[in-house]
């Protein structure tokens, strides 16, 4: 039996190229098979069948967007902190408790810096 030795770098590059090739192939096949019909109605905004009055684009306050991003940031923080909190006792028993605490403190510190930055910029105030 012949033993093949392939390094991890070669495997990673092969996997990335295969992924890109499959995505490109899927987009190309979808472009070939998709129906094509061009008419004026296709370019209009859909408003439940009722013609729009004036401009169909409405402007929203940027505060809603910033608030949603901050919510997602801290929601994701909770998602990452929960599994760590569940496993912290195992980390201490394995002897990597201080290392684990340092890593999560850096993670938490970066998020707190993000909150302080948003607070100073006024992203948390409704104007």
C-alpha atoms as a PDB file:
ATOM      1  CA  UNK A   1       0.000   0.000   0.000  1.00  0.00           C
ATOM      2  CA  UNK A   2       1.306   3.455  -0.898  1.00  0.00           C
ATOM      3  CA  UNK A   3       1.143   6.069   1.841  1.00  0.00           C
ATOM      4  CA  UNK A   4       0.198   9.528   0.648  1.00  0.00           C
ATOM      5  CA  UNK A   5       1.271  12.471   2.707  1.00  0.00           C
ATOM      6  CA  UNK A   6      -0.553  15.689   1.978  1.00  0.00           C
ATOM      7  CA  UNK A   7       0.000  18.738   4.125  1.00  0.00           C
ATOM      8  CA  UNK A   8      -2.839  20.650   5.758  1.00  0.00           C
ATOM      9  CA  UNK A   9      -2.118  23.689   3.612  1.00  0.00           C
ATOM     10  CA  UNK A  10      -2.635  21.730   0.406  1.00  0.00           C
ATOM     11  CA  UNK A  11      -5.897  20.336   1.783  1.00  0.00           C
ATOM     12  CA  UNK A  12      -7.117  23.801   2.771  1.00  0.00           C
ATOM     13  CA  UNK A  13      -6.308  25.282  -0.639  1.00  0.00           C
ATOM     14  CA  UNK A  14      -7.949  22.321  -2.382  1.00  0.00           C
ATOM     15  CA  UNK A  15     -11.076  22.666  -0.247  1.00  0.00           C
ATOM     16  CA  UNK A  16     -11.266  26.427  -0.892  1.00  0.00           C
ATOM     17  CA  UNK A  17     -10.806  26.030  -4.643  1.00  0.00           C
ATOM     18  CA  UNK A  18     -13.385  23.239  -4.753  1.00  0.00           C
ATOM     19  CA  UNK A  19     -15.849  25.416  -2.831  1.00  0.00           C
ATOM     20  CA  UNK A  20     -15.346  28.379  -5.149  1.00  0.00           C
ATOM     21  CA  UNK A  21     -15.645  26.132  -8.205  1.00  0.00           C
ATOM     22  CA  UNK A  22     -18.896  24.586  -6.974  1.00  0.00           C
ATOM     23  CA  UNK A  23     -20.421  27.992  -6.242  1.00  0.00           C
ATOM     24  CA  UNK A  24     -19.359  29.307  -9.652  1.00  0.00           C
ATOM     25  CA  UNK A  25     -20.770  26.197 -11.327  1.00  0.00           C
ATOM     26  CA  UNK A  26     -24.088  26.554  -9.466  1.00  0.00           C
ATOM     27  CA  UNK A  27     -24.390  30.228 -10.458  1.00  0.00           C
ATOM     28  CA  UNK A  28     -23.539  29.433 -14.085  1.00  0.00           C
ATOM     29  CA  UNK A  29     -26.122  26.602 -14.265  1.00  0.00           C
ATOM     30  CA  UNK A  30     -28.761  28.806 -12.604  1.00  0.00           C
ATOM     31  CA  UNK A  31     -28.059  31.527 -15.176  1.00  0.00           C
ATOM     32  CA  UNK A  32     -28.492  29.054 -18.011  1.00  0.00           C
ATOM     33  CA  UNK A  33     -31.698  27.494 -16.701  1.00  0.00           C
ATOM     34  CA  UNK A  34     -33.479  30.548 -15.300  1.00  0.00           C
ATOM     35  CA  UNK A  35     -36.384  31.980 -17.288  1.00  0.00           C
ATOM     36  CA  UNK A  36     -35.820  35.343 -18.929  1.00  0.00           C
ATOM     37  CA  UNK A  37     -38.645  37.784 -19.373  1.00  0.00           C
ATOM     38  CA  UNK A  38     -38.054  41.510 -19.630  1.00  0.00           C
ATOM     39  CA  UNK A  39     -40.942  43.956 -19.352  1.00  0.00           C
ATOM     40  CA  UNK A  40     -41.669  47.320 -17.770  1.00  0.00           C
ATOM     41  CA  UNK A  41     -43.633  45.907 -14.857  1.00  0.00           C
ATOM     42  CA  UNK A  42     -40.654  43.920 -13.685  1.00  0.00           C
ATOM     43  CA  UNK A  43     -38.782  47.130 -12.857  1.00  0.00           C
ATOM     44  CA  UNK A  44     -41.609  48.669 -10.796  1.00  0.00           C
ATOM     45  CA  UNK A  45     -41.827  48.546  -7.023  1.00  0.00           C
ATOM     46  CA  UNK A  46     -44.338  46.031  -5.697  1.00  0.00           C
ATOM     47  CA  UNK A  47     -46.933  47.702  -3.495  1.00  0.00           C
ATOM     48  CA  UNK A  48     -49.690  45.095  -3.123  1.00  0.00           C
ATOM     49  CA  UNK A  49     -50.970  45.798  -6.620  1.00  0.00           C
ATOM     50  CA  UNK A  50     -51.700  49.449  -5.867  1.00  0.00           C
ATOM     51  CA  UNK A  51     -49.743  52.057  -7.834  1.00  0.00           C
ATOM     52  CA  UNK A  52     -47.485  54.117  -5.603  1.00  0.00           C
ATOM     53  CA  UNK A  53     -47.959  57.826  -4.995  1.00  0.00           C
ATOM     54  CA  UNK A  54     -44.770  59.824  -5.123  1.00  0.00           C
ATOM     55  CA  UNK A  55     -41.491  58.110  -4.337  1.00  0.00           C
ATOM     56  CA  UNK A  56     -41.608  54.517  -3.200  1.00  0.00           C
ATOM     57  CA  UNK A  57     -38.388  54.815  -1.198  1.00  0.00           C
ATOM     58  CA  UNK A  58     -38.874  55.785   2.435  1.00  0.00           C
ATOM     59  CA  UNK A  59     -36.003  57.016   4.581  1.00  0.00           C
ATOM     60  CA  UNK A  60     -35.438  55.509   8.007  1.00  0.00           C
ATOM     61  CA  UNK A  61     -33.495  56.974  10.879  1.00  0.00           C
ATOM     62  CA  UNK A  62     -29.989  55.530  11.202  1.00  0.00           C
ATOM     63  CA  UNK A  63     -30.612  55.163  14.939  1.00  0.00           C
ATOM     64  CA  UNK A  64     -32.815  52.104  14.356  1.00  0.00           C
ATOM     65  CA  UNK A  65     -30.052  50.430  12.377  1.00  0.00           C
ATOM     66  CA  UNK A  66     -27.368  51.233  14.969  1.00  0.00           C
ATOM     67  CA  UNK A  67     -29.589  50.036  17.793  1.00  0.00           C
ATOM     68  CA  UNK A  68     -30.218  46.747  15.973  1.00  0.00           C
ATOM     69  CA  UNK A  69     -26.488  46.257  15.371  1.00  0.00           C
ATOM     70  CA  UNK A  70     -25.708  46.867  19.034  1.00  0.00           C
ATOM     71  CA  UNK A  71     -28.420  44.411  20.042  1.00  0.00           C
ATOM     72  CA  UNK A  72     -26.948  41.775  17.736  1.00  0.00           C
ATOM     73  CA  UNK A  73     -23.456  42.430  19.057  1.00  0.00           C
ATOM     74  CA  UNK A  74     -24.459  41.788  22.656  1.00  0.00           C
ATOM     75  CA  UNK A  75     -26.797  38.946  21.713  1.00  0.00           C
ATOM     76  CA  UNK A  76     -23.896  37.173  19.996  1.00  0.00           C
ATOM     77  CA  UNK A  77     -21.799  37.876  23.082  1.00  0.00           C
ATOM     78  CA  UNK A  78     -24.316  35.957  25.188  1.00  0.00           C
ATOM     79  CA  UNK A  79     -24.286  33.098  22.694  1.00  0.00           C
ATOM     80  CA  UNK A  80     -20.503  32.812  23.052  1.00  0.00           C
ATOM     81  CA  UNK A  81     -20.406  33.325  26.835  1.00  0.00           C
ATOM     82  CA  UNK A  82     -22.953  30.635  27.703  1.00  0.00           C
ATOM     83  CA  UNK A  83     -20.978  27.580  26.483  1.00  0.00           C
ATOM     84  CA  UNK A  84     -17.841  28.945  28.133  1.00  0.00           C
ATOM     85  CA  UNK A  85     -19.696  29.377  31.430  1.00  0.00           C
ATOM     86  CA  UNK A  86     -20.981  25.803  31.221  1.00  0.00           C
ATOM     87  CA  UNK A  87     -17.484  24.372  30.620  1.00  0.00           C
ATOM     88  CA  UNK A  88     -15.493  26.617  32.992  1.00  0.00           C
ATOM     89  CA  UNK A  89     -15.338  23.929  35.719  1.00  0.00           C
ATOM     90  CA  UNK A  90     -13.867  21.448  33.219  1.00  0.00           C
ATOM     91  CA  UNK A  91     -11.310  24.050  32.170  1.00  0.00           C
ATOM     92  CA  UNK A  92     -10.219  24.509  35.784  1.00  0.00           C
ATOM     93  CA  UNK A  93      -9.929  20.732  36.273  1.00  0.00           C
ATOM     94  CA  UNK A  94      -7.783  20.449  33.115  1.00  0.00           C
ATOM     95  CA  UNK A  95      -5.456  23.192  34.344  1.00  0.00           C
ATOM     96  CA  UNK A  96      -6.351  25.810  31.731  1.00  0.00           C
ATOM     97  CA  UNK A  97      -8.719  27.824  33.898  1.00  0.00           C
ATOM     98  CA  UNK A  98      -6.596  30.972  34.006  1.00  0.00           C
ATOM     99  CA  UNK A  99      -5.922  30.806  30.275  1.00  0.00           C
ATOM    100  CA  UNK A 100      -9.635  30.389  29.610  1.00  0.00           C
ATOM    101  CA  UNK A 101     -10.499  33.283  31.901  1.00  0.00           C
ATOM    102  CA  UNK A 102      -7.936  35.501  30.160  1.00  0.00           C
ATOM    103  CA  UNK A 103      -9.332  34.695  26.723  1.00  0.00           C
ATOM    104  CA  UNK A 104     -12.930  35.400  27.732  1.00  0.00           C
ATOM    105  CA  UNK A 105     -11.842  38.600  29.519  1.00  0.00           C
ATOM    106  CA  UNK A 106     -10.196  39.854  26.315  1.00  0.00           C
ATOM    107  CA  UNK A 107     -13.342  38.952  24.355  1.00  0.00           C
ATOM    108  CA  UNK A 108     -15.572  40.697  26.884  1.00  0.00           C
ATOM    109  CA  UNK A 109     -13.224  43.701  27.041  1.00  0.00           C
ATOM    110  CA  UNK A 110     -13.396  44.214  23.270  1.00  0.00           C
ATOM    111  CA  UNK A 111     -17.178  44.191  23.437  1.00  0.00           C
ATOM    112  CA  UNK A 112     -17.201  46.650  26.336  1.00  0.00           C
ATOM    113  CA  UNK A 113     -14.922  48.954  24.333  1.00  0.00           C
ATOM    114  CA  UNK A 114     -17.444  48.732  21.488  1.00  0.00           C
ATOM    115  CA  UNK A 115     -20.240  49.692  23.863  1.00  0.00           C
ATOM    116  CA  UNK A 116     -18.256  52.633  25.259  1.00  0.00           C
ATOM    117  CA  UNK A 117     -17.490  53.814  21.719  1.00  0.00           C
ATOM    118  CA  UNK A 118     -21.169  53.604  20.713  1.00  0.00           C
ATOM    119  CA  UNK A 119     -22.216  55.360  23.905  1.00  0.00           C
ATOM    120  CA  UNK A 120     -19.775  58.246  23.348  1.00  0.00           C
ATOM    121  CA  UNK A 121     -20.850  58.608  19.728  1.00  0.00           C
ATOM    122  CA  UNK A 122     -24.472  58.903  20.885  1.00  0.00           C
ATOM    123  CA  UNK A 123     -25.732  55.743  19.159  1.00  0.00           C
ATOM    124  CA  UNK A 124     -27.769  54.780  22.235  1.00  0.00           C
ATOM    125  CA  UNK A 125     -29.725  58.056  22.402  1.00  0.00           C
ATOM    126  CA  UNK A 126     -33.079  58.504  20.689  1.00  0.00           C
ATOM    127  CA  UNK A 127     -33.102  61.939  19.092  1.00  0.00           C
END
